């Protein structure tokens, strides 16, 4: 399995965007691929709780949520550390809301109804932190990771489990333990260095290779 570092992946994305594959389309491709992998891995899944951070990893989660909902799953989105801040994540959060998907603050999981949904969800999607993560989990991120780890459903991490450093494979205290990780375009060093944290790893094509060949 070929690997790229976080910095190399950023450069590849920049090159693909310059070649005509927009960041927004890469996000759409990533989220769609994640949803498709979840659906074929866990046949019969009926519900999903999707945890989204403020950045583009959260944006991938918003896209995946739409595709899961279109496949007939009951989906709820939980915002960790507030509303998205990147342009494409904001756009995709808006699309999820336009679909009527519940977009809730993660701290609403203290409420009985939301806690019950999380406990009954077949799938848990981790879209909180991406390849830029370093150091320790901030309080809201740590609380979200704890909720994901404690939930009975299967955990699918988008790109890498939240709390894991992409290049070193160092896991912060309380990092998400994934059953399956879908990473985009190529594996990152952490998928080899912290294999147990990532679970099974699948690489999804998001169009970068094709764009760079044009």
C-alpha atoms as a PDB file:
ATOM      1  CA  UNK A   1       0.000   0.000   0.000  1.00  0.00           C
ATOM      2  CA  UNK A   2       1.583   3.283  -1.094  1.00  0.00           C
ATOM      3  CA  UNK A   3       1.910   6.067   1.467  1.00  0.00           C
ATOM      4  CA  UNK A   4       2.024   9.844   1.415  1.00  0.00           C
ATOM      5  CA  UNK A   5       2.699  12.220   4.291  1.00  0.00           C
ATOM      6  CA  UNK A   6       0.214  14.896   5.294  1.00  0.00           C
ATOM      7  CA  UNK A   7       2.312  17.553   3.524  1.00  0.00           C
ATOM      8  CA  UNK A   8       2.580  15.441   0.372  1.00  0.00           C
ATOM      9  CA  UNK A   9      -1.172  14.892   0.373  1.00  0.00           C
ATOM     10  CA  UNK A  10      -1.771  18.625   0.680  1.00  0.00           C
ATOM     11  CA  UNK A  11       0.464  19.239  -2.337  1.00  0.00           C
ATOM     12  CA  UNK A  12      -1.328  16.570  -4.360  1.00  0.00           C
ATOM     13  CA  UNK A  13      -4.674  18.167  -3.564  1.00  0.00           C
ATOM     14  CA  UNK A  14      -3.335  21.578  -4.601  1.00  0.00           C
ATOM     15  CA  UNK A  15      -2.046  20.131  -7.883  1.00  0.00           C
ATOM     16  CA  UNK A  16      -5.350  18.362  -8.552  1.00  0.00           C
ATOM     17  CA  UNK A  17      -7.301  21.553  -7.868  1.00  0.00           C
ATOM     18  CA  UNK A  18      -5.037  23.455 -10.279  1.00  0.00           C
ATOM     19  CA  UNK A  19      -5.632  20.695 -12.857  1.00  0.00           C
ATOM     20  CA  UNK A  20      -9.401  21.167 -12.649  1.00  0.00           C
ATOM     21  CA  UNK A  21     -10.551  18.827  -9.862  1.00  0.00           C
ATOM     22  CA  UNK A  22     -11.948  21.278  -7.345  1.00  0.00           C
ATOM     23  CA  UNK A  23     -11.559  20.870  -3.596  1.00  0.00           C
ATOM     24  CA  UNK A  24     -15.359  20.738  -3.390  1.00  0.00           C
ATOM     25  CA  UNK A  25     -15.477  17.848  -5.854  1.00  0.00           C
ATOM     26  CA  UNK A  26     -12.721  16.025  -3.943  1.00  0.00           C
ATOM     27  CA  UNK A  27     -14.805  16.419  -0.774  1.00  0.00           C
ATOM     28  CA  UNK A  28     -17.888  15.095  -2.550  1.00  0.00           C
ATOM     29  CA  UNK A  29     -15.930  12.126  -3.876  1.00  0.00           C
ATOM     30  CA  UNK A  30     -14.452  11.395  -0.445  1.00  0.00           C
ATOM     31  CA  UNK A  31     -17.754  11.496   1.406  1.00  0.00           C
ATOM     32  CA  UNK A  32     -19.523   9.453  -1.253  1.00  0.00           C
ATOM     33  CA  UNK A  33     -16.770   6.830  -1.142  1.00  0.00           C
ATOM     34  CA  UNK A  34     -16.971   6.645   2.655  1.00  0.00           C
ATOM     35  CA  UNK A  35     -20.730   6.140   2.574  1.00  0.00           C
ATOM     36  CA  UNK A  36     -20.475   3.487  -0.134  1.00  0.00           C
ATOM     37  CA  UNK A  37     -17.840   1.606   1.869  1.00  0.00           C
ATOM     38  CA  UNK A  38     -19.984   1.722   5.009  1.00  0.00           C
ATOM     39  CA  UNK A  39     -23.033   0.439   3.155  1.00  0.00           C
ATOM     40  CA  UNK A  40     -21.272  -2.503   1.555  1.00  0.00           C
ATOM     41  CA  UNK A  41     -19.321  -3.383   4.698  1.00  0.00           C
ATOM     42  CA  UNK A  42     -22.254  -3.322   7.100  1.00  0.00           C
ATOM     43  CA  UNK A  43     -25.201  -4.601   5.118  1.00  0.00           C
ATOM     44  CA  UNK A  44     -28.492  -3.987   6.827  1.00  0.00           C
ATOM     45  CA  UNK A  45     -27.367  -0.884   8.728  1.00  0.00           C
ATOM     46  CA  UNK A  46     -30.361   1.318   9.411  1.00  0.00           C
ATOM     47  CA  UNK A  47     -28.969   4.315  11.290  1.00  0.00           C
ATOM     48  CA  UNK A  48     -25.823   6.421  11.538  1.00  0.00           C
ATOM     49  CA  UNK A  49     -24.478   9.048  13.912  1.00  0.00           C
ATOM     50  CA  UNK A  50     -21.982  11.290  12.122  1.00  0.00           C
ATOM     51  CA  UNK A  51     -19.540  13.390  14.172  1.00  0.00           C
ATOM     52  CA  UNK A  52     -18.175  16.400  12.283  1.00  0.00           C
ATOM     53  CA  UNK A  53     -15.400  18.802  13.209  1.00  0.00           C
ATOM     54  CA  UNK A  54     -15.071  22.394  11.986  1.00  0.00           C
ATOM     55  CA  UNK A  55     -12.725  21.675   9.075  1.00  0.00           C
ATOM     56  CA  UNK A  56     -12.686  19.693   5.873  1.00  0.00           C
ATOM     57  CA  UNK A  57     -12.730  16.340   7.638  1.00  0.00           C
ATOM     58  CA  UNK A  58     -16.097  17.421   8.962  1.00  0.00           C
ATOM     59  CA  UNK A  59     -17.031  18.383   5.416  1.00  0.00           C
ATOM     60  CA  UNK A  60     -16.388  14.803   4.311  1.00  0.00           C
ATOM     61  CA  UNK A  61     -18.742  13.749   7.104  1.00  0.00           C
ATOM     62  CA  UNK A  62     -21.532  16.038   5.876  1.00  0.00           C
ATOM     63  CA  UNK A  63     -21.245  14.539   2.389  1.00  0.00           C
ATOM     64  CA  UNK A  64     -21.208  10.973   3.723  1.00  0.00           C
ATOM     65  CA  UNK A  65     -24.287  11.740   5.823  1.00  0.00           C
ATOM     66  CA  UNK A  66     -26.222  12.880   2.752  1.00  0.00           C
ATOM     67  CA  UNK A  67     -25.369   9.716   0.855  1.00  0.00           C
ATOM     68  CA  UNK A  68     -26.268   7.489   3.786  1.00  0.00           C
ATOM     69  CA  UNK A  69     -29.593   9.278   4.162  1.00  0.00           C
ATOM     70  CA  UNK A  70     -30.267   8.890   0.438  1.00  0.00           C
ATOM     71  CA  UNK A  71     -29.684   5.145   0.909  1.00  0.00           C
ATOM     72  CA  UNK A  72     -32.482   5.089   3.474  1.00  0.00           C
ATOM     73  CA  UNK A  73     -30.603   5.300   6.780  1.00  0.00           C
ATOM     74  CA  UNK A  74     -31.752   7.454   9.675  1.00  0.00           C
ATOM     75  CA  UNK A  75     -28.885   9.927  10.050  1.00  0.00           C
ATOM     76  CA  UNK A  76     -28.062  12.556  12.639  1.00  0.00           C
ATOM     77  CA  UNK A  77     -25.086  14.892  12.532  1.00  0.00           C
ATOM     78  CA  UNK A  78     -23.260  16.081  15.633  1.00  0.00           C
ATOM     79  CA  UNK A  79     -21.080  19.192  15.456  1.00  0.00           C
ATOM     80  CA  UNK A  80     -17.915  19.045  17.544  1.00  0.00           C
ATOM     81  CA  UNK A  81     -16.512  22.462  18.516  1.00  0.00           C
ATOM     82  CA  UNK A  82     -19.227  24.370  16.693  1.00  0.00           C
ATOM     83  CA  UNK A  83     -20.217  25.252  13.155  1.00  0.00           C
ATOM     84  CA  UNK A  84     -17.885  24.467  10.224  1.00  0.00           C
ATOM     85  CA  UNK A  85     -15.415  27.168   9.249  1.00  0.00           C
ATOM     86  CA  UNK A  86     -13.999  26.129   5.862  1.00  0.00           C
ATOM     87  CA  UNK A  87     -15.806  27.138   2.686  1.00  0.00           C
ATOM     88  CA  UNK A  88     -16.561  23.649   1.397  1.00  0.00           C
ATOM     89  CA  UNK A  89     -17.522  22.266   4.805  1.00  0.00           C
ATOM     90  CA  UNK A  90     -19.944  25.184   5.289  1.00  0.00           C
ATOM     91  CA  UNK A  91     -21.434  24.458   1.864  1.00  0.00           C
ATOM     92  CA  UNK A  92     -21.933  20.771   2.596  1.00  0.00           C
ATOM     93  CA  UNK A  93     -23.344  21.420   6.042  1.00  0.00           C
ATOM     94  CA  UNK A  94     -25.892  23.645   4.317  1.00  0.00           C
ATOM     95  CA  UNK A  95     -26.827  20.863   1.903  1.00  0.00           C
ATOM     96  CA  UNK A  96     -27.350  18.466   4.803  1.00  0.00           C
ATOM     97  CA  UNK A  97     -29.640  20.974   6.494  1.00  0.00           C
ATOM     98  CA  UNK A  98     -31.554  21.562   3.246  1.00  0.00           C
ATOM     99  CA  UNK A  99     -32.198  17.804   3.132  1.00  0.00           C
ATOM    100  CA  UNK A 100     -33.730  18.061   6.573  1.00  0.00           C
ATOM    101  CA  UNK A 101     -31.021  16.098   8.340  1.00  0.00           C
ATOM    102  CA  UNK A 102     -30.724  16.907  12.051  1.00  0.00           C
ATOM    103  CA  UNK A 103     -27.534  18.933  12.607  1.00  0.00           C
ATOM    104  CA  UNK A 104     -26.990  19.169  16.331  1.00  0.00           C
ATOM    105  CA  UNK A 105     -24.317  20.310  18.750  1.00  0.00           C
ATOM    106  CA  UNK A 106     -22.408  17.347  20.141  1.00  0.00           C
ATOM    107  CA  UNK A 107     -23.276  18.364  23.690  1.00  0.00           C
ATOM    108  CA  UNK A 108     -26.942  17.570  22.946  1.00  0.00           C
ATOM    109  CA  UNK A 109     -25.851  13.955  23.396  1.00  0.00           C
ATOM    110  CA  UNK A 110     -26.290  14.652  27.105  1.00  0.00           C
ATOM    111  CA  UNK A 111     -30.035  14.684  26.396  1.00  0.00           C
ATOM    112  CA  UNK A 112     -31.822  11.327  26.732  1.00  0.00           C
ATOM    113  CA  UNK A 113     -33.255  11.271  23.198  1.00  0.00           C
ATOM    114  CA  UNK A 114     -29.900  11.956  21.548  1.00  0.00           C
ATOM    115  CA  UNK A 115     -28.058   9.563  23.836  1.00  0.00           C
ATOM    116  CA  UNK A 116     -30.592   6.872  22.948  1.00  0.00           C
ATOM    117  CA  UNK A 117     -30.063   7.487  19.234  1.00  0.00           C
ATOM    118  CA  UNK A 118     -26.292   7.158  19.589  1.00  0.00           C
ATOM    119  CA  UNK A 119     -26.630   3.966  21.608  1.00  0.00           C
ATOM    120  CA  UNK A 120     -28.888   2.440  18.953  1.00  0.00           C
ATOM    121  CA  UNK A 121     -26.984   3.688  15.869  1.00  0.00           C
ATOM    122  CA  UNK A 122     -25.575   0.902  13.714  1.00  0.00           C
ATOM    123  CA  UNK A 123     -22.816   3.141  12.331  1.00  0.00           C
ATOM    124  CA  UNK A 124     -20.686   5.847  13.913  1.00  0.00           C
ATOM    125  CA  UNK A 125     -18.756   8.063  11.498  1.00  0.00           C
ATOM    126  CA  UNK A 126     -15.738   9.941  12.817  1.00  0.00           C
ATOM    127  CA  UNK A 127     -15.171  13.128  10.836  1.00  0.00           C
ATOM    128  CA  UNK A 128     -13.813  15.287  13.645  1.00  0.00           C
ATOM    129  CA  UNK A 129     -10.069  15.780  13.036  1.00  0.00           C
ATOM    130  CA  UNK A 130      -8.058  15.089   9.900  1.00  0.00           C
ATOM    131  CA  UNK A 131      -4.408  14.931   8.901  1.00  0.00           C
ATOM    132  CA  UNK A 132      -3.610  18.299  10.499  1.00  0.00           C
ATOM    133  CA  UNK A 133      -4.134  16.990  14.014  1.00  0.00           C
ATOM    134  CA  UNK A 134      -1.173  17.153  16.426  1.00  0.00           C
ATOM    135  CA  UNK A 135      -0.790  16.997  20.174  1.00  0.00           C
ATOM    136  CA  UNK A 136      -3.647  16.394  22.566  1.00  0.00           C
ATOM    137  CA  UNK A 137      -7.384  16.296  22.055  1.00  0.00           C
ATOM    138  CA  UNK A 138      -9.176  19.456  23.104  1.00  0.00           C
ATOM    139  CA  UNK A 139     -11.999  18.980  25.621  1.00  0.00           C
ATOM    140  CA  UNK A 140     -14.866  18.799  23.098  1.00  0.00           C
ATOM    141  CA  UNK A 141     -12.870  16.537  20.818  1.00  0.00           C
ATOM    142  CA  UNK A 142     -11.979  14.278  23.717  1.00  0.00           C
ATOM    143  CA  UNK A 143     -15.619  14.091  24.800  1.00  0.00           C
ATOM    144  CA  UNK A 144     -16.706  13.243  21.252  1.00  0.00           C
ATOM    145  CA  UNK A 145     -14.028  10.555  20.942  1.00  0.00           C
ATOM    146  CA  UNK A 146     -15.154   9.061  24.235  1.00  0.00           C
ATOM    147  CA  UNK A 147     -18.755   8.943  23.027  1.00  0.00           C
ATOM    148  CA  UNK A 148     -17.728   7.239  19.785  1.00  0.00           C
ATOM    149  CA  UNK A 149     -15.560   4.717  21.591  1.00  0.00           C
ATOM    150  CA  UNK A 150     -18.311   3.906  24.085  1.00  0.00           C
ATOM    151  CA  UNK A 151     -21.103   3.560  21.522  1.00  0.00           C
ATOM    152  CA  UNK A 152     -22.036   0.000  20.500  1.00  0.00           C
ATOM    153  CA  UNK A 153     -22.140   0.766  16.751  1.00  0.00           C
ATOM    154  CA  UNK A 154     -19.336   0.163  14.278  1.00  0.00           C
ATOM    155  CA  UNK A 155     -16.928   3.088  13.951  1.00  0.00           C
ATOM    156  CA  UNK A 156     -15.800   4.266  10.513  1.00  0.00           C
ATOM    157  CA  UNK A 157     -13.030   6.885  10.622  1.00  0.00           C
ATOM    158  CA  UNK A 158     -12.753   9.327   7.724  1.00  0.00           C
ATOM    159  CA  UNK A 159      -9.110   9.501   6.603  1.00  0.00           C
ATOM    160  CA  UNK A 160      -7.797   8.616  10.087  1.00  0.00           C
ATOM    161  CA  UNK A 161      -9.182   8.201  13.600  1.00  0.00           C
ATOM    162  CA  UNK A 162      -9.490  11.506  15.444  1.00  0.00           C
ATOM    163  CA  UNK A 163      -6.601  11.977  17.849  1.00  0.00           C
ATOM    164  CA  UNK A 164      -4.069  10.174  15.646  1.00  0.00           C
ATOM    165  CA  UNK A 165      -1.142  12.045  14.090  1.00  0.00           C
ATOM    166  CA  UNK A 166      -0.961  11.306  10.366  1.00  0.00           C
ATOM    167  CA  UNK A 167       2.810  11.106   9.989  1.00  0.00           C
ATOM    168  CA  UNK A 168       4.057   9.797  13.334  1.00  0.00           C
ATOM    169  CA  UNK A 169       1.169   7.498  14.186  1.00  0.00           C
ATOM    170  CA  UNK A 170       1.174   8.904  17.723  1.00  0.00           C
ATOM    171  CA  UNK A 171      -2.226   8.556  19.359  1.00  0.00           C
ATOM    172  CA  UNK A 172      -3.416  11.183  21.820  1.00  0.00           C
ATOM    173  CA  UNK A 173      -4.994  10.007  25.032  1.00  0.00           C
ATOM    174  CA  UNK A 174      -8.605   9.098  24.296  1.00  0.00           C
ATOM    175  CA  UNK A 175      -8.139   8.881  20.500  1.00  0.00           C
ATOM    176  CA  UNK A 176     -10.890   7.212  18.500  1.00  0.00           C
ATOM    177  CA  UNK A 177     -10.584   3.463  18.080  1.00  0.00           C
ATOM    178  CA  UNK A 178     -11.930   2.655  14.617  1.00  0.00           C
ATOM    179  CA  UNK A 179     -13.278  -0.612  13.282  1.00  0.00           C
ATOM    180  CA  UNK A 180     -12.614   0.600   9.741  1.00  0.00           C
ATOM    181  CA  UNK A 181     -10.762   3.593   8.326  1.00  0.00           C
ATOM    182  CA  UNK A 182     -11.323   4.910   4.824  1.00  0.00           C
ATOM    183  CA  UNK A 183      -8.422   7.034   3.662  1.00  0.00           C
ATOM    184  CA  UNK A 184      -8.362   9.106   0.521  1.00  0.00           C
ATOM    185  CA  UNK A 185      -6.083   8.685  -2.499  1.00  0.00           C
ATOM    186  CA  UNK A 186      -3.278   6.951  -0.566  1.00  0.00           C
ATOM    187  CA  UNK A 187      -2.503   5.603   2.874  1.00  0.00           C
ATOM    188  CA  UNK A 188      -0.787   7.824   5.424  1.00  0.00           C
ATOM    189  CA  UNK A 189       2.083   6.597   7.646  1.00  0.00           C
ATOM    190  CA  UNK A 190      -0.242   6.327  10.669  1.00  0.00           C
ATOM    191  CA  UNK A 191      -2.216   3.568   8.991  1.00  0.00           C
ATOM    192  CA  UNK A 192       0.892   1.395   9.170  1.00  0.00           C
ATOM    193  CA  UNK A 193       2.378   2.732  12.399  1.00  0.00           C
ATOM    194  CA  UNK A 194      -0.870   2.616  14.379  1.00  0.00           C
ATOM    195  CA  UNK A 195      -2.684  -0.187  12.583  1.00  0.00           C
ATOM    196  CA  UNK A 196      -4.541  -1.351  15.669  1.00  0.00           C
ATOM    197  CA  UNK A 197      -6.024   2.136  16.191  1.00  0.00           C
ATOM    198  CA  UNK A 198      -7.237   2.311  12.591  1.00  0.00           C
ATOM    199  CA  UNK A 199      -8.805  -1.112  12.264  1.00  0.00           C
ATOM    200  CA  UNK A 200      -9.129  -2.319   8.698  1.00  0.00           C
ATOM    201  CA  UNK A 201      -7.913   0.347   6.256  1.00  0.00           C
ATOM    202  CA  UNK A 202      -9.381   0.918   2.807  1.00  0.00           C
ATOM    203  CA  UNK A 203      -8.005   3.452   0.309  1.00  0.00           C
ATOM    204  CA  UNK A 204     -10.655   5.324  -1.690  1.00  0.00           C
ATOM    205  CA  UNK A 205     -10.033   6.901  -5.093  1.00  0.00           C
ATOM    206  CA  UNK A 206     -11.246  10.517  -5.060  1.00  0.00           C
ATOM    207  CA  UNK A 207     -10.077  11.396  -8.555  1.00  0.00           C
ATOM    208  CA  UNK A 208      -6.653  12.888  -7.840  1.00  0.00           C
ATOM    209  CA  UNK A 209      -4.729  10.341  -9.868  1.00  0.00           C
ATOM    210  CA  UNK A 210      -6.908  10.876 -12.920  1.00  0.00           C
ATOM    211  CA  UNK A 211      -6.761  14.668 -12.605  1.00  0.00           C
ATOM    212  CA  UNK A 212      -2.962  14.660 -12.455  1.00  0.00           C
ATOM    213  CA  UNK A 213      -2.717  12.486 -15.554  1.00  0.00           C
ATOM    214  CA  UNK A 214      -4.694  14.916 -17.700  1.00  0.00           C
END
